[in-house]
């Protein structure tokens, strides 16, 4: 749920108009709209670059991993998932909250990787590498918006 929907819903549940603080919160959200859109556009336009460069950085630190085993299918599946996480981060940036990440159920994703015997420390490192590359492509304002969602992914694994 976007911050707009959240603020409106909480006000409606209380059967009242939006408070001054809520209106200020929405004003701040709307004022940052251009930055959020720019960040999401950069993440989308550079998804493959982020995945490719992030994978190289990850493999330099962790060369013996399924995604670097020489099996093109495993590499493709791992990189597909990485691209999916970048897309989720862009959704969070646009929404102004982590609901898109929460909706997919990061706990469930972690459990799935455990069942597939994917080492969680590797996933954590891979997410850090993706974040490093992405942060280098974003302005400081955009990075400040996207960074916490990458951090949430790192913590999840």
C-alpha atoms as a PDB file:
ATOM      1  CA  UNK A   1       0.000   0.000   0.000  1.00  0.00           C
ATOM      2  CA  UNK A   2       1.411   3.377  -0.927  1.00  0.00           C
ATOM      3  CA  UNK A   3       1.891   6.040   1.689  1.00  0.00           C
ATOM      4  CA  UNK A   4      -1.042   7.932   0.144  1.00  0.00           C
ATOM      5  CA  UNK A   5      -3.416   4.999   0.512  1.00  0.00           C
ATOM      6  CA  UNK A   6      -2.105   4.271   4.018  1.00  0.00           C
ATOM      7  CA  UNK A   7      -2.633   7.832   5.295  1.00  0.00           C
ATOM      8  CA  UNK A   8      -6.087   8.078   3.740  1.00  0.00           C
ATOM      9  CA  UNK A   9      -7.130   4.673   5.079  1.00  0.00           C
ATOM     10  CA  UNK A  10      -6.021   5.439   8.634  1.00  0.00           C
ATOM     11  CA  UNK A  11      -7.851   8.783   8.552  1.00  0.00           C
ATOM     12  CA  UNK A  12     -10.980   7.164   7.157  1.00  0.00           C
ATOM     13  CA  UNK A  13     -10.935   4.420   9.809  1.00  0.00           C
ATOM     14  CA  UNK A  14     -10.874   7.167  12.430  1.00  0.00           C
ATOM     15  CA  UNK A  15     -13.716   8.929  10.564  1.00  0.00           C
ATOM     16  CA  UNK A  16     -11.845  12.211  10.362  1.00  0.00           C
ATOM     17  CA  UNK A  17     -10.171  14.484   7.880  1.00  0.00           C
ATOM     18  CA  UNK A  18      -6.430  14.249   7.390  1.00  0.00           C
ATOM     19  CA  UNK A  19      -4.464  15.960  10.144  1.00  0.00           C
ATOM     20  CA  UNK A  20      -1.927  18.685   9.488  1.00  0.00           C
ATOM     21  CA  UNK A  21       0.890  16.223  10.142  1.00  0.00           C
ATOM     22  CA  UNK A  22      -0.602  13.733   7.657  1.00  0.00           C
ATOM     23  CA  UNK A  23      -0.998  16.443   5.035  1.00  0.00           C
ATOM     24  CA  UNK A  24       2.629  17.456   5.576  1.00  0.00           C
ATOM     25  CA  UNK A  25       3.653  13.816   5.204  1.00  0.00           C
ATOM     26  CA  UNK A  26       1.778  13.628   1.892  1.00  0.00           C
ATOM     27  CA  UNK A  27       3.256  16.952   0.753  1.00  0.00           C
ATOM     28  CA  UNK A  28       6.757  15.618   1.417  1.00  0.00           C
ATOM     29  CA  UNK A  29       5.910  12.419  -0.466  1.00  0.00           C
ATOM     30  CA  UNK A  30       4.583  14.341  -3.466  1.00  0.00           C
ATOM     31  CA  UNK A  31       7.554  16.728  -3.435  1.00  0.00           C
ATOM     32  CA  UNK A  32       9.882  13.735  -3.741  1.00  0.00           C
ATOM     33  CA  UNK A  33       7.942  12.226  -6.637  1.00  0.00           C
ATOM     34  CA  UNK A  34      10.370  13.297  -9.330  1.00  0.00           C
ATOM     35  CA  UNK A  35      13.274  11.755  -7.437  1.00  0.00           C
ATOM     36  CA  UNK A  36      11.371   8.494  -6.850  1.00  0.00           C
ATOM     37  CA  UNK A  37      10.433   8.235 -10.518  1.00  0.00           C
ATOM     38  CA  UNK A  38      13.980   9.012 -11.620  1.00  0.00           C
ATOM     39  CA  UNK A  39      15.390   6.345  -9.284  1.00  0.00           C
ATOM     40  CA  UNK A  40      12.887   3.744 -10.506  1.00  0.00           C
ATOM     41  CA  UNK A  41      13.674   4.606 -14.138  1.00  0.00           C
ATOM     42  CA  UNK A  42      17.413   4.255 -13.561  1.00  0.00           C
ATOM     43  CA  UNK A  43      16.978   0.915 -11.817  1.00  0.00           C
ATOM     44  CA  UNK A  44      14.794  -0.349 -14.671  1.00  0.00           C
ATOM     45  CA  UNK A  45      17.062   0.958 -17.427  1.00  0.00           C
ATOM     46  CA  UNK A  46      20.165  -0.487 -15.754  1.00  0.00           C
ATOM     47  CA  UNK A  47      18.778  -3.739 -14.390  1.00  0.00           C
ATOM     48  CA  UNK A  48      20.961  -5.950 -16.584  1.00  0.00           C
ATOM     49  CA  UNK A  49      24.048  -3.853 -15.892  1.00  0.00           C
ATOM     50  CA  UNK A  50      23.375  -4.027 -12.141  1.00  0.00           C
ATOM     51  CA  UNK A  51      22.918  -7.798 -12.305  1.00  0.00           C
ATOM     52  CA  UNK A  52      25.970  -8.374 -14.522  1.00  0.00           C
ATOM     53  CA  UNK A  53      28.307  -6.131 -12.530  1.00  0.00           C
ATOM     54  CA  UNK A  54      26.853  -7.285  -9.199  1.00  0.00           C
ATOM     55  CA  UNK A  55      27.407 -10.921 -10.211  1.00  0.00           C
ATOM     56  CA  UNK A  56      31.029 -10.202 -11.172  1.00  0.00           C
ATOM     57  CA  UNK A  57      31.646  -8.548  -7.806  1.00  0.00           C
ATOM     58  CA  UNK A  58      29.955 -11.421  -6.006  1.00  0.00           C
ATOM     59  CA  UNK A  59      31.911 -14.091  -7.901  1.00  0.00           C
ATOM     60  CA  UNK A  60      35.181 -12.268  -7.177  1.00  0.00           C
ATOM     61  CA  UNK A  61      34.425 -12.674  -3.463  1.00  0.00           C
ATOM     62  CA  UNK A  62      32.674 -16.031  -3.635  1.00  0.00           C
ATOM     63  CA  UNK A  63      33.859 -17.952  -6.711  1.00  0.00           C
ATOM     64  CA  UNK A  64      32.555 -21.386  -5.650  1.00  0.00           C
ATOM     65  CA  UNK A  65      28.824 -20.888  -5.855  1.00  0.00           C
ATOM     66  CA  UNK A  66      26.011 -22.476  -7.899  1.00  0.00           C
ATOM     67  CA  UNK A  67      25.556 -19.306  -9.969  1.00  0.00           C
ATOM     68  CA  UNK A  68      29.219 -19.518 -11.024  1.00  0.00           C
ATOM     69  CA  UNK A  69      29.414 -23.293 -11.492  1.00  0.00           C
ATOM     70  CA  UNK A  70      29.609 -23.234 -15.285  1.00  0.00           C
ATOM     71  CA  UNK A  71      25.982 -24.352 -15.559  1.00  0.00           C
ATOM     72  CA  UNK A  72      24.338 -21.650 -17.705  1.00  0.00           C
ATOM     73  CA  UNK A  73      20.871 -22.589 -16.437  1.00  0.00           C
ATOM     74  CA  UNK A  74      21.848 -22.057 -12.785  1.00  0.00           C
ATOM     75  CA  UNK A  75      23.538 -18.762 -13.644  1.00  0.00           C
ATOM     76  CA  UNK A  76      20.481 -17.632 -15.598  1.00  0.00           C
ATOM     77  CA  UNK A  77      18.068 -18.537 -12.790  1.00  0.00           C
ATOM     78  CA  UNK A  78      20.157 -16.755 -10.160  1.00  0.00           C
ATOM     79  CA  UNK A  79      20.487 -13.651 -12.284  1.00  0.00           C
ATOM     80  CA  UNK A  80      16.773 -13.726 -13.088  1.00  0.00           C
ATOM     81  CA  UNK A  81      16.051 -13.646  -9.339  1.00  0.00           C
ATOM     82  CA  UNK A  82      18.496 -10.780  -8.866  1.00  0.00           C
ATOM     83  CA  UNK A  83      16.696  -8.782 -11.553  1.00  0.00           C
ATOM     84  CA  UNK A  84      13.409  -9.525  -9.831  1.00  0.00           C
ATOM     85  CA  UNK A  85      14.744  -8.100  -6.554  1.00  0.00           C
ATOM     86  CA  UNK A  86      15.893  -4.940  -8.313  1.00  0.00           C
ATOM     87  CA  UNK A  87      12.388  -4.580  -9.742  1.00  0.00           C
ATOM     88  CA  UNK A  88      10.886  -4.988  -6.257  1.00  0.00           C
ATOM     89  CA  UNK A  89      13.208  -2.305  -4.905  1.00  0.00           C
ATOM     90  CA  UNK A  90      12.012   0.036  -7.658  1.00  0.00           C
ATOM     91  CA  UNK A  91       8.388  -0.676  -6.671  1.00  0.00           C
ATOM     92  CA  UNK A  92       9.230   0.163  -3.049  1.00  0.00           C
ATOM     93  CA  UNK A  93      10.877   3.411  -4.095  1.00  0.00           C
ATOM     94  CA  UNK A  94       7.762   4.383  -6.044  1.00  0.00           C
ATOM     95  CA  UNK A  95       5.379   3.346  -3.254  1.00  0.00           C
ATOM     96  CA  UNK A  96       7.428   5.070  -0.590  1.00  0.00           C
ATOM     97  CA  UNK A  97       7.410   1.985   1.642  1.00  0.00           C
ATOM     98  CA  UNK A  98       8.485  -1.665   1.814  1.00  0.00           C
ATOM     99  CA  UNK A  99       5.040  -3.156   1.179  1.00  0.00           C
ATOM    100  CA  UNK A 100       6.086  -4.668  -2.193  1.00  0.00           C
ATOM    101  CA  UNK A 101       8.882  -6.575  -0.427  1.00  0.00           C
ATOM    102  CA  UNK A 102       6.599  -7.580   2.418  1.00  0.00           C
ATOM    103  CA  UNK A 103       3.917  -8.784   0.007  1.00  0.00           C
ATOM    104  CA  UNK A 104       6.239 -11.335  -1.577  1.00  0.00           C
ATOM    105  CA  UNK A 105       7.031 -12.692   1.848  1.00  0.00           C
ATOM    106  CA  UNK A 106      10.753 -12.435   2.319  1.00  0.00           C
ATOM    107  CA  UNK A 107      10.571 -15.102   5.020  1.00  0.00           C
ATOM    108  CA  UNK A 108       9.046 -17.468   2.480  1.00  0.00           C
ATOM    109  CA  UNK A 109      11.702 -16.588  -0.055  1.00  0.00           C
ATOM    110  CA  UNK A 110      14.431 -17.283   2.502  1.00  0.00           C
ATOM    111  CA  UNK A 111      12.836 -20.652   3.302  1.00  0.00           C
ATOM    112  CA  UNK A 112      12.675 -21.494  -0.400  1.00  0.00           C
ATOM    113  CA  UNK A 113      16.387 -20.774  -0.853  1.00  0.00           C
ATOM    114  CA  UNK A 114      17.183 -22.892   2.219  1.00  0.00           C
ATOM    115  CA  UNK A 115      15.168 -25.779   0.764  1.00  0.00           C
ATOM    116  CA  UNK A 116      17.108 -25.410  -2.508  1.00  0.00           C
ATOM    117  CA  UNK A 117      20.349 -25.487  -0.472  1.00  0.00           C
ATOM    118  CA  UNK A 118      21.379 -22.029  -1.579  1.00  0.00           C
ATOM    119  CA  UNK A 119      23.716 -20.692   1.111  1.00  0.00           C
ATOM    120  CA  UNK A 120      22.050 -17.655   2.734  1.00  0.00           C
ATOM    121  CA  UNK A 121      25.389 -15.910   3.360  1.00  0.00           C
ATOM    122  CA  UNK A 122      25.904 -16.022  -0.411  1.00  0.00           C
ATOM    123  CA  UNK A 123      22.514 -14.389  -0.997  1.00  0.00           C
ATOM    124  CA  UNK A 124      23.317 -11.717   1.554  1.00  0.00           C
ATOM    125  CA  UNK A 125      26.615 -10.964  -0.183  1.00  0.00           C
ATOM    126  CA  UNK A 126      24.964 -11.012  -3.624  1.00  0.00           C
ATOM    127  CA  UNK A 127      22.363  -8.456  -2.456  1.00  0.00           C
ATOM    128  CA  UNK A 128      25.152  -6.246  -1.087  1.00  0.00           C
ATOM    129  CA  UNK A 129      26.919  -6.414  -4.442  1.00  0.00           C
ATOM    130  CA  UNK A 130      23.726  -5.461  -6.287  1.00  0.00           C
ATOM    131  CA  UNK A 131      23.254  -2.549  -3.910  1.00  0.00           C
ATOM    132  CA  UNK A 132      26.825  -1.312  -4.438  1.00  0.00           C
ATOM    133  CA  UNK A 133      26.384  -1.252  -8.201  1.00  0.00           C
ATOM    134  CA  UNK A 134      22.930   0.336  -8.036  1.00  0.00           C
ATOM    135  CA  UNK A 135      24.067   3.043  -5.613  1.00  0.00           C
ATOM    136  CA  UNK A 136      26.821   3.995  -8.045  1.00  0.00           C
ATOM    137  CA  UNK A 137      24.222   4.661 -10.742  1.00  0.00           C
ATOM    138  CA  UNK A 138      21.876   6.758  -8.622  1.00  0.00           C
ATOM    139  CA  UNK A 139      22.178  10.329  -7.403  1.00  0.00           C
ATOM    140  CA  UNK A 140      22.656  10.753  -3.664  1.00  0.00           C
ATOM    141  CA  UNK A 141      18.942  11.605  -3.266  1.00  0.00           C
ATOM    142  CA  UNK A 142      17.879   8.565  -5.291  1.00  0.00           C
ATOM    143  CA  UNK A 143      20.303   6.326  -3.412  1.00  0.00           C
ATOM    144  CA  UNK A 144      18.886   7.557  -0.106  1.00  0.00           C
ATOM    145  CA  UNK A 145      15.456   6.365  -1.269  1.00  0.00           C
ATOM    146  CA  UNK A 146      16.531   2.982  -2.695  1.00  0.00           C
ATOM    147  CA  UNK A 147      19.279   2.038  -0.232  1.00  0.00           C
ATOM    148  CA  UNK A 148      17.022   1.065   2.687  1.00  0.00           C
ATOM    149  CA  UNK A 149      15.122  -1.421   0.517  1.00  0.00           C
ATOM    150  CA  UNK A 150      18.346  -3.085  -0.600  1.00  0.00           C
ATOM    151  CA  UNK A 151      19.328  -3.181   3.090  1.00  0.00           C
ATOM    152  CA  UNK A 152      16.020  -4.887   3.873  1.00  0.00           C
ATOM    153  CA  UNK A 153      16.879  -7.584   1.324  1.00  0.00           C
ATOM    154  CA  UNK A 154      20.318  -8.045   2.861  1.00  0.00           C
ATOM    155  CA  UNK A 155      18.801  -8.410   6.335  1.00  0.00           C
ATOM    156  CA  UNK A 156      16.228 -10.895   5.050  1.00  0.00           C
ATOM    157  CA  UNK A 157      18.910 -13.348   4.004  1.00  0.00           C
END
